[in-house]
Amino acid sequence: MATPSSPPGPSGSCVGITIPIPEPLAGDLEAWRASFGDPMAAVVPPHITLITTTPASDWEATIEHVRAVAQHQRPFRVRLCSTGSFRPVSPVVFLKLTDGFDECVALHARLQTGPLERDLEFPFHPHVTVAHDVSEAGMDAAVEELESFEASFDVRSMGLYEHVPSGLWKLREELRFGEVADGSETTTR
């Protein structure tokens, strides 16, 4: 069921859409991220980004678009296995998706149409960040310590976030896959 938290933000706000990582895995990943010296570990919950900081000039159209995509999305399974890095382009170490990668790419492509359409600086690459803006030693530790990491979880929803003036992200609506805004299920053939 979709659960709105408050009225959508003003025109010109930025949107982010993520897949939440379920507990207890999220808590474990937060602890790992903190152990590598990541200053955002306690502020940014573990997630898979589907849409990053995208201006939304029309919140109503954006929400309707995201709801429609969620309504037609089936749940899927993600398997995280081993690490990767965007170094030297970006100081990020992440967990790789060995299952669910293609589903995330397809979901991203459907979301990034209509009111969320824009050109990206880099190709979309679904991942779970475990170290960002940390020392080289912290990034090396993340790669080494999580090299054999493995976990799986079912993805049944995505979160629609607004970037608020404080600089943080506020959840505006959690959208369950295969449901309409009133919480009833859709039938997909």
N, C-alpha and C. Protein backbone atom coordinates (compact mmCIF):
# COMPACT_ATOMS: atom_id res chain seq x y z
N MET A 1 0.84 -1.18 0.00
CA MET A 1 0.00 0.00 0.00
C MET A 1 0.88 1.23 0.00
N ALA A 2 0.49 2.24 -0.74
CA ALA A 2 1.21 3.52 -0.75
C ALA A 2 0.91 4.24 0.55
N THR A 3 1.94 4.80 1.17
CA THR A 3 1.75 5.51 2.43
C THR A 3 2.35 6.90 2.34
N PRO A 4 1.54 7.90 1.94
CA PRO A 4 2.06 9.26 1.88
C PRO A 4 2.38 9.78 3.28
N SER A 5 3.45 10.53 3.43
CA SER A 5 3.82 11.06 4.74
C SER A 5 3.36 12.49 4.94
N SER A 6 3.30 13.27 3.89
CA SER A 6 2.87 14.66 3.97
C SER A 6 2.72 15.19 2.56
N PRO A 7 2.12 16.36 2.41
CA PRO A 7 1.93 16.89 1.06
C PRO A 7 3.26 17.04 0.33
N PRO A 8 3.23 16.87 -0.99
CA PRO A 8 4.46 16.99 -1.76
C PRO A 8 5.07 18.37 -1.68
N GLY A 9 6.34 18.43 -1.96
CA GLY A 9 7.09 19.67 -1.88
C GLY A 9 6.74 20.66 -2.98
N PRO A 10 7.33 21.83 -2.92
CA PRO A 10 7.05 22.89 -3.88
C PRO A 10 7.67 22.58 -5.25
N SER A 11 7.20 23.29 -6.25
CA SER A 11 7.79 23.15 -7.58
C SER A 11 9.27 23.46 -7.49
N GLY A 12 10.05 22.74 -8.26
CA GLY A 12 11.49 22.95 -8.24
C GLY A 12 12.21 22.09 -7.23
N SER A 13 11.47 21.31 -6.43
CA SER A 13 12.11 20.39 -5.50
C SER A 13 12.81 19.29 -6.27
N CYS A 14 13.72 18.60 -5.61
CA CYS A 14 14.39 17.47 -6.23
C CYS A 14 13.85 16.16 -5.68
N VAL A 15 13.80 15.17 -6.56
CA VAL A 15 13.26 13.85 -6.26
C VAL A 15 14.40 12.84 -6.21
N GLY A 16 14.25 11.86 -5.35
CA GLY A 16 15.11 10.69 -5.34
C GLY A 16 14.22 9.48 -5.14
N ILE A 17 14.55 8.37 -5.77
CA ILE A 17 13.77 7.14 -5.61
C ILE A 17 14.74 6.02 -5.31
N THR A 18 14.45 5.28 -4.24
CA THR A 18 15.36 4.23 -3.81
C THR A 18 14.61 2.95 -3.45
N ILE A 19 15.36 1.87 -3.45
CA ILE A 19 14.89 0.59 -2.92
C ILE A 19 15.49 0.47 -1.53
N PRO A 20 14.65 0.34 -0.50
CA PRO A 20 15.20 0.20 0.85
C PRO A 20 15.82 -1.18 1.07
N ILE A 21 16.85 -1.23 1.89
CA ILE A 21 17.45 -2.51 2.29
C ILE A 21 16.76 -2.90 3.60
N PRO A 22 16.21 -4.11 3.69
CA PRO A 22 15.46 -4.51 4.89
C PRO A 22 16.38 -4.79 6.08
N GLU A 23 15.80 -4.69 7.27
CA GLU A 23 16.48 -5.11 8.49
C GLU A 23 16.45 -6.64 8.55
N PRO A 24 17.39 -7.26 9.20
CA PRO A 24 18.53 -6.71 9.92
C PRO A 24 19.72 -6.35 9.01
N LEU A 25 19.61 -6.67 7.72
CA LEU A 25 20.71 -6.40 6.80
C LEU A 25 21.08 -4.91 6.78
N ALA A 26 20.09 -4.04 6.80
CA ALA A 26 20.36 -2.59 6.77
C ALA A 26 21.23 -2.17 7.95
N GLY A 27 20.92 -2.67 9.13
CA GLY A 27 21.71 -2.34 10.31
C GLY A 27 23.14 -2.84 10.20
N ASP A 28 23.30 -4.04 9.66
CA ASP A 28 24.65 -4.58 9.46
C ASP A 28 25.45 -3.71 8.49
N LEU A 29 24.81 -3.32 7.38
CA LEU A 29 25.52 -2.49 6.39
C LEU A 29 25.84 -1.11 6.93
N GLU A 30 24.95 -0.56 7.74
CA GLU A 30 25.22 0.74 8.37
C GLU A 30 26.45 0.64 9.28
N ALA A 31 26.53 -0.45 10.05
CA ALA A 31 27.68 -0.64 10.94
C ALA A 31 28.97 -0.80 10.14
N TRP A 32 28.93 -1.56 9.05
CA TRP A 32 30.10 -1.71 8.20
C TRP A 32 30.52 -0.35 7.65
N ARG A 33 29.54 0.39 7.14
CA ARG A 33 29.84 1.70 6.54
C ARG A 33 30.50 2.63 7.56
N ALA A 34 29.98 2.63 8.78
CA ALA A 34 30.56 3.46 9.85
C ALA A 34 31.98 3.00 10.17
N SER A 35 32.21 1.69 10.15
CA SER A 35 33.54 1.17 10.49
C SER A 35 34.61 1.60 9.48
N PHE A 36 34.19 1.95 8.27
CA PHE A 36 35.14 2.41 7.25
C PHE A 36 35.34 3.92 7.30
N GLY A 37 34.66 4.59 8.25
CA GLY A 37 34.83 6.03 8.43
C GLY A 37 33.89 6.89 7.62
N ASP A 38 32.82 6.30 7.11
CA ASP A 38 31.88 7.05 6.27
C ASP A 38 31.03 7.97 7.13
N PRO A 39 31.13 9.30 6.95
CA PRO A 39 30.40 10.24 7.79
C PRO A 39 28.88 10.19 7.59
N MET A 40 28.41 9.60 6.50
CA MET A 40 26.97 9.55 6.23
C MET A 40 26.33 8.24 6.68
N ALA A 41 27.10 7.36 7.30
CA ALA A 41 26.59 6.04 7.67
C ALA A 41 25.34 6.10 8.53
N ALA A 42 25.30 7.01 9.50
CA ALA A 42 24.16 7.11 10.40
C ALA A 42 23.03 7.98 9.84
N VAL A 43 23.30 8.68 8.75
CA VAL A 43 22.33 9.63 8.19
C VAL A 43 21.60 9.07 6.97
N VAL A 44 22.31 8.32 6.16
CA VAL A 44 21.74 7.78 4.92
C VAL A 44 21.58 6.27 5.07
N PRO A 45 20.34 5.79 5.20
CA PRO A 45 20.13 4.35 5.35
C PRO A 45 20.59 3.60 4.09
N PRO A 46 21.05 2.36 4.24
CA PRO A 46 21.46 1.58 3.08
C PRO A 46 20.30 1.44 2.08
N HIS A 47 20.63 1.55 0.80
CA HIS A 47 19.60 1.54 -0.24
C HIS A 47 20.23 1.29 -1.60
N ILE A 48 19.37 1.05 -2.58
CA ILE A 48 19.76 1.01 -3.99
C ILE A 48 19.08 2.21 -4.63
N THR A 49 19.85 3.13 -5.17
CA THR A 49 19.28 4.31 -5.82
C THR A 49 18.75 3.93 -7.20
N LEU A 50 17.51 4.32 -7.46
CA LEU A 50 16.91 4.14 -8.79
C LEU A 50 16.93 5.45 -9.57
N ILE A 51 16.60 6.55 -8.88
CA ILE A 51 16.63 7.89 -9.46
C ILE A 51 17.34 8.78 -8.46
N THR A 52 18.36 9.50 -8.90
CA THR A 52 19.10 10.38 -8.01
C THR A 52 18.77 11.83 -8.31
N THR A 53 18.85 12.65 -7.31
CA THR A 53 18.65 14.10 -7.35
C THR A 53 18.19 14.64 -8.70
N THR A 54 16.89 14.53 -8.94
CA THR A 54 16.29 14.96 -10.20
C THR A 54 15.27 16.06 -9.93
N PRO A 55 15.41 17.22 -10.57
CA PRO A 55 14.43 18.29 -10.38
C PRO A 55 13.03 17.84 -10.79
N ALA A 56 12.04 18.23 -9.98
CA ALA A 56 10.64 17.90 -10.27
C ALA A 56 9.85 19.20 -10.29
N SER A 57 9.53 19.68 -11.47
CA SER A 57 8.79 20.94 -11.58
C SER A 57 7.31 20.75 -11.30
N ASP A 58 6.81 19.53 -11.44
CA ASP A 58 5.39 19.24 -11.20
C ASP A 58 5.28 18.00 -10.32
N TRP A 59 5.09 18.23 -9.00
CA TRP A 59 5.05 17.12 -8.05
C TRP A 59 3.90 16.17 -8.31
N GLU A 60 2.74 16.70 -8.63
CA GLU A 60 1.59 15.83 -8.87
C GLU A 60 1.86 14.88 -10.04
N ALA A 61 2.38 15.42 -11.13
CA ALA A 61 2.70 14.58 -12.29
C ALA A 61 3.78 13.56 -11.93
N THR A 62 4.75 13.99 -11.15
CA THR A 62 5.83 13.09 -10.73
C THR A 62 5.29 11.95 -9.89
N ILE A 63 4.47 12.27 -8.90
CA ILE A 63 3.91 11.24 -8.03
C ILE A 63 3.05 10.27 -8.83
N GLU A 64 2.21 10.78 -9.71
CA GLU A 64 1.36 9.91 -10.52
C GLU A 64 2.21 8.99 -11.40
N HIS A 65 3.27 9.53 -11.96
CA HIS A 65 4.18 8.74 -12.80
C HIS A 65 4.82 7.61 -11.98
N VAL A 66 5.35 7.94 -10.81
CA VAL A 66 6.02 6.94 -9.98
C VAL A 66 5.02 5.89 -9.49
N ARG A 67 3.81 6.32 -9.13
CA ARG A 67 2.78 5.36 -8.73
C ARG A 67 2.44 4.39 -9.86
N ALA A 68 2.33 4.91 -11.08
CA ALA A 68 2.01 4.06 -12.22
C ALA A 68 3.11 3.03 -12.47
N VAL A 69 4.36 3.46 -12.36
CA VAL A 69 5.47 2.52 -12.54
C VAL A 69 5.42 1.44 -11.45
N ALA A 70 5.22 1.84 -10.20
CA ALA A 70 5.16 0.88 -9.09
C ALA A 70 4.00 -0.10 -9.27
N GLN A 71 2.88 0.41 -9.74
CA GLN A 71 1.69 -0.43 -9.92
C GLN A 71 1.96 -1.58 -10.89
N HIS A 72 2.79 -1.35 -11.89
CA HIS A 72 3.06 -2.36 -12.90
C HIS A 72 4.34 -3.16 -12.65
N GLN A 73 5.00 -2.90 -11.54
CA GLN A 73 6.25 -3.60 -11.21
C GLN A 73 5.95 -4.82 -10.35
N ARG A 74 6.55 -5.93 -10.70
CA ARG A 74 6.43 -7.14 -9.87
C ARG A 74 7.59 -7.18 -8.87
N PRO A 75 7.35 -7.74 -7.67
CA PRO A 75 8.47 -7.93 -6.74
C PRO A 75 9.56 -8.78 -7.39
N PHE A 76 10.79 -8.61 -6.91
CA PHE A 76 11.91 -9.39 -7.42
C PHE A 76 12.92 -9.59 -6.31
N ARG A 77 13.90 -10.43 -6.56
CA ARG A 77 14.91 -10.76 -5.55
C ARG A 77 16.24 -10.10 -5.93
N VAL A 78 16.91 -9.57 -4.91
CA VAL A 78 18.25 -9.01 -5.07
C VAL A 78 19.23 -9.89 -4.30
N ARG A 79 20.35 -10.15 -4.94
CA ARG A 79 21.45 -10.85 -4.27
C ARG A 79 22.67 -9.94 -4.36
N LEU A 80 23.22 -9.61 -3.19
CA LEU A 80 24.43 -8.81 -3.11
C LEU A 80 25.60 -9.76 -2.94
N CYS A 81 26.66 -9.53 -3.70
CA CYS A 81 27.79 -10.44 -3.64
C CYS A 81 29.07 -9.70 -4.01
N SER A 82 29.99 -9.63 -3.09
CA SER A 82 31.31 -9.05 -3.33
C SER A 82 31.25 -7.53 -3.49
N THR A 83 32.39 -6.93 -3.75
CA THR A 83 32.48 -5.48 -3.83
C THR A 83 32.93 -5.02 -5.21
N GLY A 84 32.66 -3.76 -5.46
CA GLY A 84 33.14 -3.07 -6.65
C GLY A 84 33.46 -1.65 -6.24
N SER A 85 34.01 -0.87 -7.16
CA SER A 85 34.36 0.51 -6.85
C SER A 85 34.23 1.37 -8.09
N PHE A 86 33.91 2.63 -7.86
CA PHE A 86 33.88 3.61 -8.95
C PHE A 86 35.19 4.40 -9.02
N ARG A 87 36.18 4.02 -8.18
CA ARG A 87 37.47 4.70 -8.22
C ARG A 87 38.13 4.47 -9.57
N PRO A 88 38.87 5.40 -10.10
CA PRO A 88 39.24 6.71 -9.57
C PRO A 88 38.25 7.81 -9.90
N VAL A 89 37.18 7.50 -10.65
CA VAL A 89 36.22 8.53 -11.05
C VAL A 89 35.48 9.10 -9.85
N SER A 90 35.08 8.24 -8.92
CA SER A 90 34.33 8.66 -7.73
C SER A 90 34.79 7.82 -6.55
N PRO A 91 34.95 8.44 -5.36
CA PRO A 91 35.44 7.71 -4.19
C PRO A 91 34.34 6.87 -3.53
N VAL A 92 33.94 5.81 -4.21
CA VAL A 92 32.84 4.96 -3.74
C VAL A 92 33.23 3.49 -3.85
N VAL A 93 32.95 2.74 -2.77
CA VAL A 93 33.03 1.28 -2.78
C VAL A 93 31.61 0.79 -2.54
N PHE A 94 31.22 -0.24 -3.28
CA PHE A 94 29.83 -0.71 -3.20
C PHE A 94 29.76 -2.23 -3.23
N LEU A 95 28.58 -2.74 -2.84
CA LEU A 95 28.26 -4.15 -3.01
C LEU A 95 27.60 -4.33 -4.36
N LYS A 96 28.01 -5.37 -5.07
CA LYS A 96 27.47 -5.65 -6.40
C LYS A 96 26.15 -6.41 -6.30
N LEU A 97 25.26 -6.16 -7.24
CA LEU A 97 24.04 -6.93 -7.38
C LEU A 97 24.30 -8.03 -8.40
N THR A 98 24.26 -9.29 -7.95
CA THR A 98 24.42 -10.40 -8.90
C THR A 98 23.06 -10.92 -9.35
N ASP A 99 22.04 -10.73 -8.56
CA ASP A 99 20.65 -10.98 -8.95
C ASP A 99 19.90 -9.68 -8.72
N GLY A 100 18.96 -9.37 -9.59
CA GLY A 100 18.18 -8.14 -9.45
C GLY A 100 18.77 -6.96 -10.20
N PHE A 101 19.97 -7.12 -10.75
CA PHE A 101 20.61 -6.02 -11.48
C PHE A 101 19.75 -5.60 -12.67
N ASP A 102 19.37 -6.57 -13.50
CA ASP A 102 18.59 -6.26 -14.70
C ASP A 102 17.23 -5.66 -14.34
N GLU A 103 16.61 -6.17 -13.28
CA GLU A 103 15.32 -5.63 -12.84
C GLU A 103 15.46 -4.17 -12.41
N CYS A 104 16.54 -3.86 -11.70
CA CYS A 104 16.78 -2.47 -11.28
C CYS A 104 17.03 -1.56 -12.48
N VAL A 105 17.78 -2.05 -13.47
CA VAL A 105 18.05 -1.26 -14.67
C VAL A 105 16.74 -0.98 -15.41
N ALA A 106 15.90 -2.01 -15.55
CA ALA A 106 14.62 -1.83 -16.25
C ALA A 106 13.70 -0.88 -15.47
N LEU A 107 13.67 -1.02 -14.15
CA LEU A 107 12.85 -0.14 -13.31
C LEU A 107 13.33 1.30 -13.43
N HIS A 108 14.63 1.50 -13.37
CA HIS A 108 15.21 2.84 -13.55
C HIS A 108 14.78 3.43 -14.89
N ALA A 109 14.87 2.63 -15.95
CA ALA A 109 14.52 3.12 -17.29
C ALA A 109 13.05 3.55 -17.36
N ARG A 110 12.16 2.79 -16.72
CA ARG A 110 10.74 3.16 -16.72
C ARG A 110 10.50 4.41 -15.87
N LEU A 111 11.22 4.53 -14.76
CA LEU A 111 11.05 5.71 -13.91
C LEU A 111 11.58 6.97 -14.58
N GLN A 112 12.67 6.83 -15.31
CA GLN A 112 13.32 8.01 -15.87
C GLN A 112 12.73 8.38 -17.24
N THR A 113 11.42 8.48 -17.26
CA THR A 113 10.67 8.94 -18.43
C THR A 113 9.71 10.02 -17.94
N GLY A 114 9.00 10.63 -18.85
CA GLY A 114 8.00 11.64 -18.46
C GLY A 114 8.60 12.74 -17.62
N PRO A 115 7.99 13.01 -16.45
CA PRO A 115 8.46 14.14 -15.63
C PRO A 115 9.85 13.94 -15.02
N LEU A 116 10.37 12.73 -15.05
CA LEU A 116 11.70 12.46 -14.48
C LEU A 116 12.77 12.24 -15.55
N GLU A 117 12.43 12.49 -16.79
CA GLU A 117 13.39 12.28 -17.87
C GLU A 117 14.50 13.33 -17.82
N ARG A 118 15.74 12.86 -17.94
CA ARG A 118 16.90 13.76 -18.02
C ARG A 118 18.11 12.96 -18.45
N ASP A 119 19.12 13.67 -18.93
CA ASP A 119 20.37 13.03 -19.31
C ASP A 119 21.21 12.81 -18.05
N LEU A 120 21.87 11.67 -17.98
CA LEU A 120 22.74 11.35 -16.85
C LEU A 120 24.20 11.52 -17.24
N GLU A 121 25.00 11.93 -16.26
CA GLU A 121 26.43 12.09 -16.49
C GLU A 121 27.13 10.75 -16.70
N PHE A 122 26.63 9.71 -15.98
CA PHE A 122 27.21 8.37 -16.06
C PHE A 122 26.09 7.36 -16.31
N PRO A 123 26.40 6.22 -16.93
CA PRO A 123 25.37 5.18 -17.09
C PRO A 123 24.88 4.70 -15.72
N PHE A 124 23.61 4.33 -15.64
CA PHE A 124 23.03 3.83 -14.40
C PHE A 124 23.66 2.49 -14.05
N HIS A 125 24.08 2.34 -12.80
CA HIS A 125 24.70 1.10 -12.32
C HIS A 125 24.18 0.81 -10.91
N PRO A 126 23.16 -0.05 -10.78
CA PRO A 126 22.61 -0.32 -9.44
C PRO A 126 23.65 -0.94 -8.52
N HIS A 127 23.66 -0.49 -7.26
CA HIS A 127 24.63 -0.94 -6.28
C HIS A 127 24.18 -0.50 -4.89
N VAL A 128 24.86 -0.99 -3.87
CA VAL A 128 24.65 -0.55 -2.48
C VAL A 128 25.97 0.01 -1.98
N THR A 129 26.01 1.31 -1.71
CA THR A 129 27.24 1.97 -1.25
C THR A 129 27.60 1.49 0.15
N VAL A 130 28.90 1.16 0.34
CA VAL A 130 29.39 0.78 1.67
C VAL A 130 30.51 1.70 2.14
N ALA A 131 31.04 2.54 1.27
CA ALA A 131 32.04 3.54 1.66
C ALA A 131 32.01 4.65 0.62
N HIS A 132 31.90 5.89 1.12
CA HIS A 132 31.84 7.05 0.23
C HIS A 132 32.54 8.22 0.90
N ASP A 133 33.41 8.88 0.16
CA ASP A 133 34.16 10.02 0.71
C ASP A 133 34.91 9.66 1.98
N VAL A 134 35.57 8.52 1.95
CA VAL A 134 36.42 8.11 3.08
C VAL A 134 37.86 8.06 2.58
N SER A 135 38.78 7.84 3.49
CA SER A 135 40.20 7.76 3.12
C SER A 135 40.44 6.58 2.19
N GLU A 136 41.57 6.62 1.50
CA GLU A 136 41.95 5.48 0.64
C GLU A 136 42.04 4.20 1.48
N ALA A 137 42.57 4.33 2.70
CA ALA A 137 42.67 3.16 3.59
C ALA A 137 41.28 2.63 3.93
N GLY A 138 40.32 3.53 4.16
CA GLY A 138 38.95 3.12 4.45
C GLY A 138 38.31 2.41 3.27
N MET A 139 38.55 2.94 2.07
CA MET A 139 38.01 2.30 0.87
C MET A 139 38.67 0.94 0.64
N ASP A 140 39.97 0.86 0.83
CA ASP A 140 40.67 -0.42 0.68
C ASP A 140 40.14 -1.44 1.69
N ALA A 141 39.90 -0.99 2.92
CA ALA A 141 39.36 -1.89 3.95
C ALA A 141 37.97 -2.39 3.55
N ALA A 142 37.15 -1.51 3.00
CA ALA A 142 35.80 -1.91 2.57
C ALA A 142 35.88 -2.99 1.49
N VAL A 143 36.76 -2.78 0.51
CA VAL A 143 36.92 -3.76 -0.57
C VAL A 143 37.36 -5.11 0.00
N GLU A 144 38.37 -5.09 0.86
CA GLU A 144 38.93 -6.33 1.39
C GLU A 144 37.98 -7.03 2.35
N GLU A 145 37.40 -6.29 3.29
CA GLU A 145 36.58 -6.91 4.33
C GLU A 145 35.24 -7.41 3.81
N LEU A 146 34.73 -6.83 2.74
CA LEU A 146 33.43 -7.25 2.22
C LEU A 146 33.56 -8.04 0.91
N GLU A 147 34.77 -8.41 0.54
CA GLU A 147 34.99 -9.14 -0.71
C GLU A 147 34.16 -10.43 -0.78
N SER A 148 34.00 -11.12 0.35
CA SER A 148 33.24 -12.37 0.36
C SER A 148 31.81 -12.18 0.88
N PHE A 149 31.38 -10.93 1.04
CA PHE A 149 30.03 -10.63 1.53
C PHE A 149 28.99 -11.19 0.57
N GLU A 150 27.90 -11.71 1.15
CA GLU A 150 26.81 -12.22 0.35
C GLU A 150 25.52 -12.11 1.15
N ALA A 151 24.47 -11.61 0.53
CA ALA A 151 23.15 -11.51 1.17
C ALA A 151 22.09 -11.39 0.09
N SER A 152 20.88 -11.83 0.42
CA SER A 152 19.76 -11.73 -0.52
C SER A 152 18.54 -11.20 0.21
N PHE A 153 17.67 -10.54 -0.55
CA PHE A 153 16.40 -10.06 0.01
C PHE A 153 15.41 -9.84 -1.13
N ASP A 154 14.13 -9.85 -0.76
CA ASP A 154 13.07 -9.59 -1.73
C ASP A 154 12.79 -8.10 -1.79
N VAL A 155 12.57 -7.60 -2.99
CA VAL A 155 12.25 -6.19 -3.20
C VAL A 155 10.76 -6.11 -3.53
N ARG A 156 10.01 -5.43 -2.67
CA ARG A 156 8.56 -5.33 -2.84
C ARG A 156 8.07 -3.89 -2.94
N SER A 157 9.01 -2.94 -2.79
CA SER A 157 8.58 -1.54 -2.80
C SER A 157 9.76 -0.63 -3.14
N MET A 158 9.42 0.64 -3.33
CA MET A 158 10.45 1.68 -3.51
C MET A 158 9.97 2.93 -2.79
N GLY A 159 10.90 3.77 -2.40
CA GLY A 159 10.57 5.00 -1.69
C GLY A 159 10.76 6.22 -2.57
N LEU A 160 9.78 7.12 -2.53
CA LEU A 160 9.86 8.40 -3.24
C LEU A 160 10.26 9.46 -2.22
N TYR A 161 11.40 10.10 -2.45
CA TYR A 161 11.96 11.07 -1.52
C TYR A 161 12.01 12.46 -2.13
N GLU A 162 11.95 13.46 -1.24
CA GLU A 162 12.16 14.86 -1.63
C GLU A 162 13.41 15.36 -0.93
N HIS A 163 14.24 16.08 -1.66
CA HIS A 163 15.42 16.72 -1.08
C HIS A 163 14.94 18.02 -0.44
N VAL A 164 14.97 18.09 0.88
CA VAL A 164 14.42 19.23 1.61
C VAL A 164 15.51 20.28 1.87
N PRO A 165 15.10 21.53 2.21
CA PRO A 165 16.06 22.63 2.39
C PRO A 165 17.19 22.34 3.38
N SER A 166 16.96 21.46 4.38
CA SER A 166 18.02 21.14 5.34
C SER A 166 19.16 20.35 4.70
N GLY A 167 18.93 19.89 3.46
CA GLY A 167 19.95 19.10 2.78
C GLY A 167 19.72 17.60 2.90
N LEU A 168 18.74 17.20 3.70
CA LEU A 168 18.43 15.79 3.88
C LEU A 168 17.33 15.35 2.92
N TRP A 169 17.09 14.06 2.89
CA TRP A 169 16.03 13.49 2.06
C TRP A 169 14.86 13.10 2.95
N LYS A 170 13.65 13.47 2.54
CA LYS A 170 12.45 13.15 3.32
C LYS A 170 11.58 12.19 2.50
N LEU A 171 11.23 11.06 3.13
CA LEU A 171 10.36 10.09 2.47
C LEU A 171 8.98 10.70 2.30
N ARG A 172 8.52 10.77 1.05
CA ARG A 172 7.19 11.30 0.76
C ARG A 172 6.17 10.19 0.58
N GLU A 173 6.62 9.06 0.04
CA GLU A 173 5.68 7.95 -0.17
C GLU A 173 6.45 6.66 -0.39
N GLU A 174 6.00 5.60 0.29
CA GLU A 174 6.53 4.26 0.06
C GLU A 174 5.55 3.57 -0.86
N LEU A 175 6.02 3.11 -2.00
CA LEU A 175 5.14 2.54 -3.02
C LEU A 175 5.40 1.05 -3.17
N ARG A 176 4.39 0.26 -2.81
CA ARG A 176 4.51 -1.20 -2.94
C ARG A 176 4.26 -1.60 -4.39
N PHE A 177 5.03 -2.54 -4.86
CA PHE A 177 4.90 -3.00 -6.23
C PHE A 177 3.59 -3.76 -6.42
N GLY A 178 2.93 -3.51 -7.55
CA GLY A 178 1.72 -4.23 -7.90
C GLY A 178 0.47 -3.74 -7.20
N GLU A 179 0.53 -2.56 -6.58
CA GLU A 179 -0.64 -2.00 -5.90
C GLU A 179 -0.94 -0.62 -6.45
N VAL A 180 -2.23 -0.27 -6.42
CA VAL A 180 -2.62 1.08 -6.78
C VAL A 180 -2.56 1.93 -5.52
N ALA A 181 -2.69 3.23 -5.65
CA ALA A 181 -2.51 4.15 -4.52
C ALA A 181 -3.42 3.84 -3.34
N ASP A 182 -4.59 3.21 -3.58
CA ASP A 182 -5.49 2.91 -2.47
C ASP A 182 -5.13 1.62 -1.75
N GLY A 183 -4.07 0.94 -2.19
CA GLY A 183 -3.61 -0.27 -1.53
C GLY A 183 -4.15 -1.55 -2.13
N SER A 184 -5.07 -1.46 -3.10
CA SER A 184 -5.60 -2.68 -3.72
C SER A 184 -4.58 -3.22 -4.72
N GLU A 185 -4.63 -4.52 -4.92
CA GLU A 185 -3.67 -5.15 -5.83
C GLU A 185 -4.12 -5.02 -7.27
N THR A 186 -3.15 -4.98 -8.16
CA THR A 186 -3.45 -4.99 -9.59
C THR A 186 -3.23 -6.40 -10.11
N THR A 187 -3.82 -6.70 -11.23
CA THR A 187 -3.57 -8.00 -11.85
C THR A 187 -2.71 -7.77 -13.07
N THR A 188 -1.58 -8.45 -13.09
CA THR A 188 -0.65 -8.33 -14.21
C THR A 188 -0.65 -9.65 -14.97
N ARG A 189 -0.85 -9.58 -16.26
CA ARG A 189 -0.88 -10.82 -17.07
C ARG A 189 0.36 -10.94 -17.87
